[in-house]
């Protein structure tokens, strides 16, 4: 190395000792041309647009997956309940395939199958609506088929023609009843 390269020039010595000169040099180095600023802003805009498009695409993917999940839930909502009904069907097929001439044994088999069915209903949150004679008529759970004169208080259940059913506190089919009418 030569001595010239190691020794600072008088101008460099002045800049090193003059704080204003240092600031001016830094400002010159920091000062950007309008073209540079525009290029940086375009780059920043490009990055923001890219981030926006990615976020938008992610939102669309989440929405699409949610719609698919809801469709699958609707499609397979009954699957659990159907799984509980399959053994009942098996029992009914078994009963039909036997050549038992004994009515008592056949009735016992039907009672067992009915218990299986009621158990499947319970597991599927399905309950019977079976009002007792003398219960107050409830239009939300009962459907009056006829009104008959009776000694009972008006608008009470006289007989149940067909049981009703509800699923998770929502009436699937109301119980068909006859109600008492004033004499």
C-alpha atoms as a PDB file:
ATOM      1  CA  UNK A   1       0.000   0.000   0.000  1.00  0.00           C
ATOM      2  CA  UNK A   2       1.038   3.473  -0.702  1.00  0.00           C
ATOM      3  CA  UNK A   3       1.080   6.191   1.835  1.00  0.00           C
ATOM      4  CA  UNK A   4      -1.383   8.236  -0.162  1.00  0.00           C
ATOM      5  CA  UNK A   5      -4.153   5.693   0.338  1.00  0.00           C
ATOM      6  CA  UNK A   6      -3.613   5.566   4.060  1.00  0.00           C
ATOM      7  CA  UNK A   7      -3.502   9.285   4.687  1.00  0.00           C
ATOM      8  CA  UNK A   8      -6.767  11.146   4.449  1.00  0.00           C
ATOM      9  CA  UNK A   9      -7.070  14.081   2.147  1.00  0.00           C
ATOM     10  CA  UNK A  10      -7.543  17.505   3.673  1.00  0.00           C
ATOM     11  CA  UNK A  11     -11.157  17.449   2.500  1.00  0.00           C
ATOM     12  CA  UNK A  12     -11.748  14.139   4.253  1.00  0.00           C
ATOM     13  CA  UNK A  13     -10.112  15.481   7.407  1.00  0.00           C
ATOM     14  CA  UNK A  14     -12.446  18.478   7.364  1.00  0.00           C
ATOM     15  CA  UNK A  15     -15.507  16.241   6.968  1.00  0.00           C
ATOM     16  CA  UNK A  16     -14.391  13.991   9.815  1.00  0.00           C
ATOM     17  CA  UNK A  17     -13.989  16.906  12.177  1.00  0.00           C
ATOM     18  CA  UNK A  18     -16.957  18.972  10.955  1.00  0.00           C
ATOM     19  CA  UNK A  19     -20.305  17.539  12.220  1.00  0.00           C
ATOM     20  CA  UNK A  20     -22.276  19.602   9.756  1.00  0.00           C
ATOM     21  CA  UNK A  21     -20.294  18.157   6.902  1.00  0.00           C
ATOM     22  CA  UNK A  22     -21.001  14.624   8.221  1.00  0.00           C
ATOM     23  CA  UNK A  23     -24.720  15.347   8.300  1.00  0.00           C
ATOM     24  CA  UNK A  24     -24.642  16.780   4.803  1.00  0.00           C
ATOM     25  CA  UNK A  25     -22.818  13.714   3.523  1.00  0.00           C
ATOM     26  CA  UNK A  26     -25.285  11.405   5.287  1.00  0.00           C
ATOM     27  CA  UNK A  27     -28.227  13.374   3.913  1.00  0.00           C
ATOM     28  CA  UNK A  28     -26.751  13.113   0.442  1.00  0.00           C
ATOM     29  CA  UNK A  29     -26.334   9.360   0.853  1.00  0.00           C
ATOM     30  CA  UNK A  30     -29.845   9.025   2.301  1.00  0.00           C
ATOM     31  CA  UNK A  31     -31.475  11.376  -0.160  1.00  0.00           C
ATOM     32  CA  UNK A  32     -33.025   9.357  -2.910  1.00  0.00           C
ATOM     33  CA  UNK A  33     -34.005  10.364  -6.318  1.00  0.00           C
ATOM     34  CA  UNK A  34     -37.727  10.514  -7.078  1.00  0.00           C
ATOM     35  CA  UNK A  35     -37.280   7.524  -9.370  1.00  0.00           C
ATOM     36  CA  UNK A  36     -35.818   5.498  -6.506  1.00  0.00           C
ATOM     37  CA  UNK A  37     -38.662   6.495  -4.199  1.00  0.00           C
ATOM     38  CA  UNK A  38     -41.227   5.593  -6.864  1.00  0.00           C
ATOM     39  CA  UNK A  39     -39.545   2.232  -7.412  1.00  0.00           C
ATOM     40  CA  UNK A  40     -39.579   1.519  -3.660  1.00  0.00           C
ATOM     41  CA  UNK A  41     -43.235   2.534  -3.401  1.00  0.00           C
ATOM     42  CA  UNK A  42     -44.129   0.295  -6.346  1.00  0.00           C
ATOM     43  CA  UNK A  43     -42.310  -2.566  -4.664  1.00  0.00           C
ATOM     44  CA  UNK A  44     -44.196  -1.903  -1.392  1.00  0.00           C
ATOM     45  CA  UNK A  45     -47.515  -1.715  -3.277  1.00  0.00           C
ATOM     46  CA  UNK A  46     -46.690  -5.019  -4.969  1.00  0.00           C
ATOM     47  CA  UNK A  47     -45.976  -6.652  -1.608  1.00  0.00           C
ATOM     48  CA  UNK A  48     -49.209  -5.307  -0.109  1.00  0.00           C
ATOM     49  CA  UNK A  49     -51.222  -6.473  -3.120  1.00  0.00           C
ATOM     50  CA  UNK A  50     -49.649  -9.901  -2.852  1.00  0.00           C
ATOM     51  CA  UNK A  51     -50.477 -10.077   0.871  1.00  0.00           C
ATOM     52  CA  UNK A  52     -54.036  -8.927   0.181  1.00  0.00           C
ATOM     53  CA  UNK A  53     -54.556 -11.530  -2.540  1.00  0.00           C
ATOM     54  CA  UNK A  54     -53.163 -14.268  -0.306  1.00  0.00           C
ATOM     55  CA  UNK A  55     -55.465 -13.242   2.564  1.00  0.00           C
ATOM     56  CA  UNK A  56     -58.431 -13.074   0.196  1.00  0.00           C
ATOM     57  CA  UNK A  57     -57.653 -16.529  -1.189  1.00  0.00           C
ATOM     58  CA  UNK A  58     -57.293 -17.917   2.336  1.00  0.00           C
ATOM     59  CA  UNK A  59     -60.671 -16.415   3.278  1.00  0.00           C
ATOM     60  CA  UNK A  60     -62.277 -17.985   0.206  1.00  0.00           C
ATOM     61  CA  UNK A  61     -60.708 -21.358   1.054  1.00  0.00           C
ATOM     62  CA  UNK A  62     -62.035 -21.160   4.617  1.00  0.00           C
ATOM     63  CA  UNK A  63     -65.514 -20.245   3.353  1.00  0.00           C
ATOM     64  CA  UNK A  64     -65.468 -23.079   0.784  1.00  0.00           C
ATOM     65  CA  UNK A  65     -64.327 -25.620   3.387  1.00  0.00           C
ATOM     66  CA  UNK A  66     -67.057 -24.450   5.776  1.00  0.00           C
ATOM     67  CA  UNK A  67     -69.705 -24.878   3.071  1.00  0.00           C
ATOM     68  CA  UNK A  68     -68.377 -28.378   2.314  1.00  0.00           C
ATOM     69  CA  UNK A  69     -68.364 -29.277   6.023  1.00  0.00           C
ATOM     70  CA  UNK A  70     -71.954 -28.106   6.412  1.00  0.00           C
ATOM     71  CA  UNK A  71     -73.020 -30.089   3.348  1.00  0.00           C
ATOM     72  CA  UNK A  72     -71.336 -33.207   4.745  1.00  0.00           C
ATOM     73  CA  UNK A  73     -72.951 -32.658   8.146  1.00  0.00           C
ATOM     74  CA  UNK A  74     -76.380 -32.447   6.510  1.00  0.00           C
ATOM     75  CA  UNK A  75     -75.677 -35.463   4.326  1.00  0.00           C
ATOM     76  CA  UNK A  76     -74.447 -37.685   7.140  1.00  0.00           C
ATOM     77  CA  UNK A  77     -76.455 -36.307  10.078  1.00  0.00           C
ATOM     78  CA  UNK A  78     -78.674 -39.366  10.153  1.00  0.00           C
ATOM     79  CA  UNK A  79     -75.760 -41.807  10.004  1.00  0.00           C
ATOM     80  CA  UNK A  80     -75.539 -42.240  13.780  1.00  0.00           C
ATOM     81  CA  UNK A  81     -79.270 -42.831  14.097  1.00  0.00           C
ATOM     82  CA  UNK A  82     -79.221 -45.282  11.185  1.00  0.00           C
ATOM     83  CA  UNK A  83     -76.438 -47.267  12.869  1.00  0.00           C
ATOM     84  CA  UNK A  84     -78.749 -47.810  15.862  1.00  0.00           C
ATOM     85  CA  UNK A  85     -81.566 -49.010  13.597  1.00  0.00           C
ATOM     86  CA  UNK A  86     -79.547 -51.679  11.786  1.00  0.00           C
ATOM     87  CA  UNK A  87     -79.759 -54.229  14.666  1.00  0.00           C
ATOM     88  CA  UNK A  88     -83.543 -53.740  14.762  1.00  0.00           C
ATOM     89  CA  UNK A  89     -83.709 -54.553  11.072  1.00  0.00           C
ATOM     90  CA  UNK A  90     -81.560 -57.638  11.649  1.00  0.00           C
ATOM     91  CA  UNK A  91     -83.937 -58.831  14.368  1.00  0.00           C
ATOM     92  CA  UNK A  92     -86.980 -58.315  12.140  1.00  0.00           C
ATOM     93  CA  UNK A  93     -85.365 -60.284   9.299  1.00  0.00           C
ATOM     94  CA  UNK A  94     -84.463 -63.068  11.722  1.00  0.00           C
ATOM     95  CA  UNK A  95     -88.063 -63.174  12.976  1.00  0.00           C
ATOM     96  CA  UNK A  96     -89.419 -63.377   9.441  1.00  0.00           C
ATOM     97  CA  UNK A  97     -87.002 -66.155   8.458  1.00  0.00           C
ATOM     98  CA  UNK A  98     -88.001 -68.515  11.290  1.00  0.00           C
ATOM     99  CA  UNK A  99     -90.778 -71.031  10.852  1.00  0.00           C
ATOM    100  CA  UNK A 100     -91.741 -70.988  14.489  1.00  0.00           C
ATOM    101  CA  UNK A 101     -95.342 -71.933  14.960  1.00  0.00           C
ATOM    102  CA  UNK A 102     -95.286 -70.837  18.589  1.00  0.00           C
ATOM    103  CA  UNK A 103     -97.158 -67.519  18.856  1.00  0.00           C
ATOM    104  CA  UNK A 104     -95.863 -66.894  22.374  1.00  0.00           C
ATOM    105  CA  UNK A 105     -92.208 -67.151  21.265  1.00  0.00           C
ATOM    106  CA  UNK A 106     -92.946 -64.945  18.267  1.00  0.00           C
ATOM    107  CA  UNK A 107     -94.538 -62.311  20.525  1.00  0.00           C
ATOM    108  CA  UNK A 108     -91.546 -62.396  22.889  1.00  0.00           C
ATOM    109  CA  UNK A 109     -89.244 -61.874  19.898  1.00  0.00           C
ATOM    110  CA  UNK A 110     -91.315 -58.899  18.781  1.00  0.00           C
ATOM    111  CA  UNK A 111     -91.185 -57.410  22.281  1.00  0.00           C
ATOM    112  CA  UNK A 112     -87.390 -57.734  22.321  1.00  0.00           C
ATOM    113  CA  UNK A 113     -87.234 -56.120  18.878  1.00  0.00           C
ATOM    114  CA  UNK A 114     -89.482 -53.294  20.088  1.00  0.00           C
ATOM    115  CA  UNK A 115     -87.112 -52.720  23.028  1.00  0.00           C
ATOM    116  CA  UNK A 116     -84.220 -52.529  20.551  1.00  0.00           C
ATOM    117  CA  UNK A 117     -86.156 -49.999  18.494  1.00  0.00           C
ATOM    118  CA  UNK A 118     -87.012 -47.869  21.525  1.00  0.00           C
ATOM    119  CA  UNK A 119     -83.361 -48.000  22.585  1.00  0.00           C
ATOM    120  CA  UNK A 120     -82.343 -46.810  19.106  1.00  0.00           C
ATOM    121  CA  UNK A 121     -84.877 -43.973  19.398  1.00  0.00           C
ATOM    122  CA  UNK A 122     -83.449 -42.989  22.776  1.00  0.00           C
ATOM    123  CA  UNK A 123     -79.883 -42.975  21.444  1.00  0.00           C
ATOM    124  CA  UNK A 124     -81.053 -40.805  18.541  1.00  0.00           C
ATOM    125  CA  UNK A 125     -82.741 -38.402  21.023  1.00  0.00           C
ATOM    126  CA  UNK A 126     -86.140 -39.405  19.702  1.00  0.00           C
ATOM    127  CA  UNK A 127     -88.870 -39.680  22.332  1.00  0.00           C
ATOM    128  CA  UNK A 128     -92.444 -40.879  22.284  1.00  0.00           C
ATOM    129  CA  UNK A 129     -95.336 -38.534  22.873  1.00  0.00           C
ATOM    130  CA  UNK A 130     -97.845 -40.808  24.559  1.00  0.00           C
ATOM    131  CA  UNK A 131    -100.279 -38.792  26.688  1.00  0.00           C
ATOM    132  CA  UNK A 132    -102.234 -40.576  29.397  1.00  0.00           C
ATOM    133  CA  UNK A 133    -106.009 -40.533  29.488  1.00  0.00           C
ATOM    134  CA  UNK A 134    -107.037 -37.469  31.469  1.00  0.00           C
ATOM    135  CA  UNK A 135    -103.992 -35.372  30.515  1.00  0.00           C
ATOM    136  CA  UNK A 136    -104.669 -31.819  29.390  1.00  0.00           C
ATOM    137  CA  UNK A 137    -104.770 -31.401  25.596  1.00  0.00           C
ATOM    138  CA  UNK A 138    -101.557 -29.730  24.376  1.00  0.00           C
ATOM    139  CA  UNK A 139    -101.838 -28.443  20.791  1.00  0.00           C
ATOM    140  CA  UNK A 140     -98.028 -28.347  20.534  1.00  0.00           C
ATOM    141  CA  UNK A 141     -97.726 -32.120  21.111  1.00  0.00           C
ATOM    142  CA  UNK A 142    -101.203 -33.499  20.358  1.00  0.00           C
ATOM    143  CA  UNK A 143    -103.507 -33.426  17.379  1.00  0.00           C
ATOM    144  CA  UNK A 144    -107.201 -33.767  18.184  1.00  0.00           C
ATOM    145  CA  UNK A 145    -108.963 -36.068  15.744  1.00  0.00           C
ATOM    146  CA  UNK A 146    -112.342 -35.965  17.410  1.00  0.00           C
ATOM    147  CA  UNK A 147    -114.164 -34.405  20.298  1.00  0.00           C
ATOM    148  CA  UNK A 148    -116.478 -36.654  22.290  1.00  0.00           C
ATOM    149  CA  UNK A 149    -118.851 -35.880  25.151  1.00  0.00           C
ATOM    150  CA  UNK A 150    -117.306 -37.053  28.384  1.00  0.00           C
ATOM    151  CA  UNK A 151    -117.528 -36.789  32.135  1.00  0.00           C
ATOM    152  CA  UNK A 152    -113.950 -35.510  32.159  1.00  0.00           C
ATOM    153  CA  UNK A 153    -113.009 -31.865  32.196  1.00  0.00           C
ATOM    154  CA  UNK A 154    -113.267 -30.302  28.691  1.00  0.00           C
ATOM    155  CA  UNK A 155    -110.127 -30.440  26.504  1.00  0.00           C
ATOM    156  CA  UNK A 156    -108.580 -33.449  28.181  1.00  0.00           C
ATOM    157  CA  UNK A 157    -107.344 -36.579  26.421  1.00  0.00           C
ATOM    158  CA  UNK A 158    -109.979 -39.326  26.291  1.00  0.00           C
ATOM    159  CA  UNK A 159    -107.999 -41.796  24.158  1.00  0.00           C
ATOM    160  CA  UNK A 160    -104.751 -42.015  22.192  1.00  0.00           C
ATOM    161  CA  UNK A 161    -105.188 -43.250  18.646  1.00  0.00           C
ATOM    162  CA  UNK A 162    -101.554 -42.993  17.608  1.00  0.00           C
ATOM    163  CA  UNK A 163     -98.397 -42.107  19.534  1.00  0.00           C
ATOM    164  CA  UNK A 164     -96.416 -39.083  18.500  1.00  0.00           C
ATOM    165  CA  UNK A 165     -92.680 -38.580  18.381  1.00  0.00           C
ATOM    166  CA  UNK A 166     -90.252 -35.733  18.938  1.00  0.00           C
ATOM    167  CA  UNK A 167     -86.585 -35.386  18.115  1.00  0.00           C
ATOM    168  CA  UNK A 168     -84.533 -33.213  20.461  1.00  0.00           C
ATOM    169  CA  UNK A 169     -87.616 -31.390  21.764  1.00  0.00           C
ATOM    170  CA  UNK A 170     -88.946 -30.765  18.254  1.00  0.00           C
ATOM    171  CA  UNK A 171     -92.209 -32.495  17.387  1.00  0.00           C
ATOM    172  CA  UNK A 172     -91.745 -34.911  14.519  1.00  0.00           C
ATOM    173  CA  UNK A 173     -95.330 -36.142  14.611  1.00  0.00           C
ATOM    174  CA  UNK A 174     -97.966 -35.134  17.157  1.00  0.00           C
ATOM    175  CA  UNK A 175     -99.915 -37.780  19.049  1.00  0.00           C
ATOM    176  CA  UNK A 176    -103.358 -38.359  17.551  1.00  0.00           C
ATOM    177  CA  UNK A 177    -105.954 -38.112  20.330  1.00  0.00           C
ATOM    178  CA  UNK A 178    -109.633 -37.715  20.977  1.00  0.00           C
ATOM    179  CA  UNK A 179    -110.517 -35.028  23.479  1.00  0.00           C
ATOM    180  CA  UNK A 180    -113.412 -34.514  25.827  1.00  0.00           C
ATOM    181  CA  UNK A 181    -116.109 -32.024  24.985  1.00  0.00           C
ATOM    182  CA  UNK A 182    -118.544 -30.475  27.426  1.00  0.00           C
ATOM    183  CA  UNK A 183    -121.875 -32.306  27.628  1.00  0.00           C
END
